[in-house]
C-alpha atoms as a PDB file:
ATOM      1  CA  MET A   1      12.857  16.343   5.121  1.00  0.00           C
ATOM      2  CA  GLU A   2      14.731  14.626   2.310  1.00  0.00           C
ATOM      3  CA  PHE A   3      13.389  11.358   0.909  1.00  0.00           C
ATOM      4  CA  LEU A   4      15.024   8.709  -1.159  1.00  0.00           C
ATOM      5  CA  ARG A   5      13.194   8.323  -4.468  1.00  0.00           C
ATOM      6  CA  ILE A   6      12.946   4.866  -5.927  1.00  0.00           C
ATOM      7  CA  ASP A   7      13.191   4.640  -9.702  1.00  0.00           C
ATOM      8  CA  ASP A   8      10.796   1.990 -10.974  1.00  0.00           C
ATOM      9  CA  LYS A   9      13.341   0.974 -13.622  1.00  0.00           C
ATOM     10  CA  ILE A  10      15.611  -0.519 -10.946  1.00  0.00           C
ATOM     11  CA  PRO A  11      14.654  -4.078  -9.921  1.00  0.00           C
ATOM     12  CA  ALA A  12      13.204  -4.192  -6.396  1.00  0.00           C
ATOM     13  CA  GLU A  13      15.822  -6.678  -5.178  1.00  0.00           C
ATOM     14  CA  ILE A  14      18.604  -4.246  -6.035  1.00  0.00           C
ATOM     15  CA  TRP A  15      17.096  -1.053  -4.629  1.00  0.00           C
ATOM     16  CA  PHE A  16      15.845  -2.730  -1.474  1.00  0.00           C
ATOM     17  CA  GLU A  17      19.236  -4.262  -0.753  1.00  0.00           C
ATOM     18  CA  ALA A  18      20.772  -0.808  -1.196  1.00  0.00           C
ATOM     19  CA  ILE A  19      18.349   1.067   1.065  1.00  0.00           C
ATOM     20  CA  THR A  20      17.931  -1.511   3.846  1.00  0.00           C
ATOM     21  CA  PRO A  21      20.915  -0.171   5.838  1.00  0.00           C
ATOM     22  CA  LEU A  22      19.479   3.355   5.594  1.00  0.00           C
ATOM     23  CA  LEU A  23      16.045   2.171   6.734  1.00  0.00           C
ATOM     24  CA  LEU A  24      17.635   0.470   9.721  1.00  0.00           C
ATOM     25  CA  GLU A  25      19.285   3.808  10.594  1.00  0.00           C
ATOM     26  CA  GLY A  26      15.837   5.432  10.736  1.00  0.00           C
ATOM     27  CA  TYR A  27      15.491   6.956   7.279  1.00  0.00           C
ATOM     28  CA  ARG A  28      12.115   7.005   5.541  1.00  0.00           C
ATOM     29  CA  PHE A  29      11.558   6.527   1.819  1.00  0.00           C
ATOM     30  CA  LYS A  30       8.784   7.182  -0.668  1.00  0.00           C
ATOM     31  CA  ILE A  31       7.496   4.560  -3.020  1.00  0.00           C
ATOM     32  CA  SER A  32       4.852   4.862  -5.700  1.00  0.00           C
ATOM     33  CA  PRO A  33       2.874   1.653  -6.074  1.00  0.00           C
ATOM     34  CA  GLN A  34       2.865  -0.116  -9.411  1.00  0.00           C
ATOM     35  CA  GLY A  35      -0.242  -1.794 -10.754  1.00  0.00           C
ATOM     36  CA  LYS A  36      -3.790  -1.537  -9.479  1.00  0.00           C
ATOM     37  CA  SER A  37      -3.859  -3.730  -6.383  1.00  0.00           C
ATOM     38  CA  MET A  38      -4.116  -0.731  -4.015  1.00  0.00           C
ATOM     39  CA  VAL A  39      -6.743   1.228  -5.981  1.00  0.00           C
ATOM     40  CA  PRO A  40      -8.727   3.261  -4.923  1.00  0.00           C
ATOM     41  CA  PHE A  41      -6.619   4.428  -1.958  1.00  0.00           C
ATOM     42  CA  LEU A  42      -3.257   4.366  -3.773  1.00  0.00           C
ATOM     43  CA  SER A  43      -2.972   4.715  -7.535  1.00  0.00           C
ATOM     44  CA  GLY A  44       0.279   3.869  -9.287  1.00  0.00           C
ATOM     45  CA  GLY A  45       2.015   6.839 -10.857  1.00  0.00           C
ATOM     46  CA  ARG A  46      -0.062   9.320  -8.831  1.00  0.00           C
ATOM     47  CA  ASP A  47       0.191   8.448  -5.149  1.00  0.00           C
ATOM     48  CA  GLU A  48       3.037   7.548  -2.820  1.00  0.00           C
ATOM     49  CA  ALA A  49       3.569   5.815   0.499  1.00  0.00           C
ATOM     50  CA  VAL A  50       6.206   7.014   2.969  1.00  0.00           C
ATOM     51  CA  LEU A  51       7.722   3.920   4.565  1.00  0.00           C
ATOM     52  CA  PHE A  52       9.921   3.114   7.549  1.00  0.00           C
ATOM     53  CA  ALA A  53      11.491  -0.106   8.826  1.00  0.00           C
ATOM     54  CA  PRO A  54       9.607  -1.515  11.825  1.00  0.00           C
ATOM     55  CA  ASP A  55      11.757  -2.483  14.800  1.00  0.00           C
ATOM     56  CA  SER A  56      11.355  -5.738  16.717  1.00  0.00           C
ATOM     57  CA  GLU A  57       8.931  -4.032  19.143  1.00  0.00           C
ATOM     58  CA  TYR A  58       6.583  -2.775  16.423  1.00  0.00           C
ATOM     59  CA  ILE A  59       3.043  -4.132  16.761  1.00  0.00           C
ATOM     60  CA  PHE A  60       1.450  -4.764  13.364  1.00  0.00           C
ATOM     61  CA  ASN A  61      -2.182  -3.723  13.167  1.00  0.00           C
ATOM     62  CA  LYS A  62      -5.094  -4.241  10.838  1.00  0.00           C
ATOM     63  CA  ASN A  63      -5.081  -1.467   8.194  1.00  0.00           C
ATOM     64  CA  ASP A  64      -1.282  -0.945   8.272  1.00  0.00           C
ATOM     65  CA  ILE A  65       0.061  -0.658   4.734  1.00  0.00           C
ATOM     66  CA  VAL A  66       3.172  -2.811   4.502  1.00  0.00           C
ATOM     67  CA  LEU A  67       5.861  -3.621   1.973  1.00  0.00           C
ATOM     68  CA  PHE A  68       6.712  -7.298   2.096  1.00  0.00           C
ATOM     69  CA  LYS A  69       8.508  -9.895   0.069  1.00  0.00           C
ATOM     70  CA  SER A  70       6.275 -12.739  -1.069  1.00  0.00           C
ATOM     71  CA  GLY A  71       7.358 -16.364  -1.186  1.00  0.00           C
ATOM     72  CA  SER A  72       8.049 -15.951  -4.903  1.00  0.00           C
ATOM     73  CA  GLY A  73      10.430 -13.060  -4.177  1.00  0.00           C
ATOM     74  CA  ILE A  74       8.157 -10.259  -5.404  1.00  0.00           C
ATOM     75  CA  HIS A  75       7.959  -7.046  -3.357  1.00  0.00           C
ATOM     76  CA  ILE A  76       4.309  -6.174  -2.653  1.00  0.00           C
ATOM     77  CA  LEU A  77       2.664  -3.136  -1.050  1.00  0.00           C
ATOM     78  CA  HIS A  78      -0.668  -4.160   0.553  1.00  0.00           C
ATOM     79  CA  ARG A  79      -2.769  -3.502   3.610  1.00  0.00           C
ATOM     80  CA  ILE A  80      -2.877  -5.839   6.614  1.00  0.00           C
ATOM     81  CA  CYS A  81      -6.374  -7.321   6.920  1.00  0.00           C
ATOM     82  CA  ARG A  82      -5.733  -9.505   9.966  1.00  0.00           C
ATOM     83  CA  VAL A  83      -3.039 -10.582  12.391  1.00  0.00           C
ATOM     84  CA  THR A  84      -3.254 -14.077  13.895  1.00  0.00           C
ATOM     85  CA  GLU A  85      -1.054 -16.530  15.751  1.00  0.00           C
ATOM     86  CA  ASN A  86      -0.273 -18.130  12.371  1.00  0.00           C
ATOM     87  CA  GLY A  87       0.956 -14.875  10.842  1.00  0.00           C
ATOM     88  CA  ILE A  88      -0.038 -11.709   9.057  1.00  0.00           C
ATOM     89  CA  TYR A  89      -2.577 -11.639   6.219  1.00  0.00           C
ATOM     90  CA  THR A  90      -2.682  -8.867   3.658  1.00  0.00           C
ATOM     91  CA  LEU A  91      -5.190  -7.654   1.109  1.00  0.00           C
ATOM     92  CA  GLY A  92      -4.696  -5.134  -1.664  1.00  0.00           C
ATOM     93  CA  ASP A  93      -7.409  -2.473  -1.630  1.00  0.00           C
ATOM     94  CA  GLY A  94      -8.310  -3.429  -5.199  1.00  0.00           C
ATOM     95  CA  ASN A  95      -8.292  -7.164  -4.498  1.00  0.00           C
ATOM     96  CA  THR A  96     -10.932  -9.503  -3.092  1.00  0.00           C
ATOM     97  CA  ALA A  97      -8.755 -12.352  -1.773  1.00  0.00           C
ATOM     98  CA  ALA A  98      -6.426 -12.119   1.212  1.00  0.00           C
ATOM     99  CA  GLU A  99      -2.874 -13.442   1.012  1.00  0.00           C
ATOM    100  CA  GLY A 100      -0.839 -15.042   3.751  1.00  0.00           C
ATOM    101  CA  PRO A 101       0.071 -15.907   6.304  1.00  0.00           C
ATOM    102  CA  PHE A 102       3.339 -13.987   6.193  1.00  0.00           C
ATOM    103  CA  ARG A 103       5.909 -13.959   8.927  1.00  0.00           C
ATOM    104  CA  ARG A 104       6.888 -10.776  10.707  1.00  0.00           C
ATOM    105  CA  GLU A 105      10.320 -11.122   9.087  1.00  0.00           C
ATOM    106  CA  ASP A 106       8.742 -10.982   5.604  1.00  0.00           C
ATOM    107  CA  ILE A 107       7.586  -7.411   6.235  1.00  0.00           C
ATOM    108  CA  LEU A 108      10.284  -5.004   5.168  1.00  0.00           C
ATOM    109  CA  ALA A 109       8.614  -1.636   5.784  1.00  0.00           C
ATOM    110  CA  VAL A 110       5.416  -0.006   7.057  1.00  0.00           C
ATOM    111  CA  ALA A 111       3.697   3.124   5.706  1.00  0.00           C
ATOM    112  CA  GLU A 112       3.896   6.019   8.130  1.00  0.00           C
ATOM    113  CA  TYR A 113       1.544   7.961   5.867  1.00  0.00           C
ATOM    114  CA  ILE A 114       0.456   8.148   2.252  1.00  0.00           C
ATOM    115  CA  ILE A 115       0.395  11.012  -0.212  1.00  0.00           C
ATOM    116  CA  ARG A 116      -2.874  10.690  -2.123  1.00  0.00           C
ATOM    117  CA  LYS A 117      -3.722  13.144  -4.887  1.00  0.00           C
ATOM    118  CA  GLY A 118      -0.975  15.407  -3.526  1.00  0.00           C
ATOM    119  CA  LYS A 119      -2.378  15.463   0.033  1.00  0.00           C
ATOM    120  CA  THR A 120      -0.803  13.828   3.061  1.00  0.00           C
ATOM    121  CA  VAL A 121      -3.052  11.257   4.734  1.00  0.00           C
ATOM    122  CA  ARG A 122      -1.861   9.866   8.058  1.00  0.00           C
ATOM    123  CA  SER A 123      -2.704   6.248   8.841  1.00  0.00           C
ATOM    124  CA  ASP A 124      -4.436   7.295  12.078  1.00  0.00           C
ATOM    125  CA  ASP A 125      -6.737   9.871  10.406  1.00  0.00           C
ATOM    126  CA  ARG A 126     -10.314   9.075  11.504  1.00  0.00           C
ATOM    127  CA  LYS A 127     -11.938   9.868   8.152  1.00  0.00           C
ATOM    128  CA  TYR A 128      -9.375   7.708   6.354  1.00  0.00           C
ATOM    129  CA  ILE A 129      -9.898   4.798   8.775  1.00  0.00           C
ATOM    130  CA  LEU A 130     -13.685   5.071   8.314  1.00  0.00           C
ATOM    131  CA  LEU A 131     -13.321   4.928   4.508  1.00  0.00           C
ATOM    132  CA  VAL A 132     -10.916   1.965   4.695  1.00  0.00           C
ATOM    133  CA  ASN A 133     -13.291   0.062   6.992  1.00  0.00           C
ATOM    134  CA  MET A 134     -16.285   0.788   4.760  1.00  0.00           C
ATOM    135  CA  TRP A 135     -14.243  -0.386   1.761  1.00  0.00           C
ATOM    136  CA  ARG A 136     -13.433  -3.596   3.626  1.00  0.00           C
ATOM    137  CA  LEU A 137     -17.147  -4.288   4.161  1.00  0.00           C
ATOM    138  CA  ILE A 138     -17.878  -4.264   0.431  1.00  0.00           C
ATOM    139  CA  ARG A 139     -14.949  -6.556  -0.422  1.00  0.00           C
ATOM    140  CA  PRO A 140     -16.963  -9.002  -2.591  1.00  0.00           C
ATOM    141  CA  PHE A 141     -18.282  -6.099  -4.667  1.00  0.00           C
ATOM    142  CA  ARG A 142     -15.031  -4.166  -5.068  1.00  0.00           C
ATOM    143  CA  PRO A 143     -14.478  -5.073  -8.741  1.00  0.00           C
ATOM    144  CA  LEU A 144     -17.970  -3.830  -9.645  1.00  0.00           C
ATOM    145  CA  VAL A 145     -17.527  -0.583  -7.720  1.00  0.00           C
ATOM    146  CA  ILE A 146     -14.123   0.084  -9.293  1.00  0.00           C
ATOM    147  CA  LYS A 147     -15.414  -0.717 -12.781  1.00  0.00           C
ATOM    148  CA  GLY A 148     -18.457   1.539 -12.300  1.00  0.00           C
ATOM    149  CA  TYR A 149     -16.295   4.377 -11.007  1.00  0.00           C
ATOM    150  CA  SER A 150     -13.873   4.013 -13.940  1.00  0.00           C
ATOM    151  CA  SER A 151     -16.778   4.075 -16.404  1.00  0.00           C
ATOM    152  CA  MET A 152     -18.150   7.245 -14.839  1.00  0.00           C
ATOM    153  CA  ARG A 153     -14.722   8.921 -15.029  1.00  0.00           C
ATOM    154  CA  ARG A 154     -14.362   8.000 -18.720  1.00  0.00           C
ATOM    155  CA  LEU A 155     -17.824   9.369 -19.462  1.00  0.00           C
ATOM    156  CA  GLU A 156     -17.026  12.552 -17.553  1.00  0.00           C
ATOM    157  CA  ARG A 157     -13.811  13.045 -19.593  1.00  0.00           C
ATOM    158  CA  LYS A 158     -15.726  12.457 -22.856  1.00  0.00           C
ATOM    159  CA  VAL A 159     -18.339  15.063 -21.941  1.00  0.00           C
ATOM    160  CA  ARG A 160     -15.652  17.571 -20.944  1.00  0.00           C
ATOM    161  CA  ASN A 161     -13.741  17.062 -24.220  1.00  0.00           C
ATOM    162  CA  ARG A 162     -16.767  17.761 -26.448  1.00  0.00           C
END
C-alpha cells in the first residue's frame, strides 16, 4: 500500500487542504507527531499514525487517536478521552488536562493504527488498550513517570558509553 508522506516543513494548513480530497476518496496517510504531547505512545520523529477521514456514520470512541483543528487553527493529534452530548474531549498521552469540547466537524482524521518503534499497533489490540487505560488511571502522575523514565534512559546511555 502506498502512503502519502507529510513533510513537516510544509505548514499544516497547506498540506491538509491538499490531501483532504484524497482522504475523502478513501486514501490513508501517515503522519509523524511533532512535540511531546503523545509521549509515551507516540514519539515525534520515531513513530507514525496512519489516518483516514471518518464518514458521517463514524462513531467516535474513547481512545481513538484523532487529528483535529483547534479553535486557534492549530492541527493537533490527540486521543479522545470522552464523548458527551456537548462534544468530544481529547487528551494528549503526555498531558494531564483534557481539551474540548470539540465538534465532530473539527475532527479531520482518525488513526486506523500506529507504527510505534517500527511495529504496527492496531487500535483494537487488547494489550495496547490495557496499557492506554492504565496510563489514563495515572494521569495526575504522568509528568513524574515520564521524567523518571527519561532520567533512567539517560543514565542507561551514559553507562553504555563508558
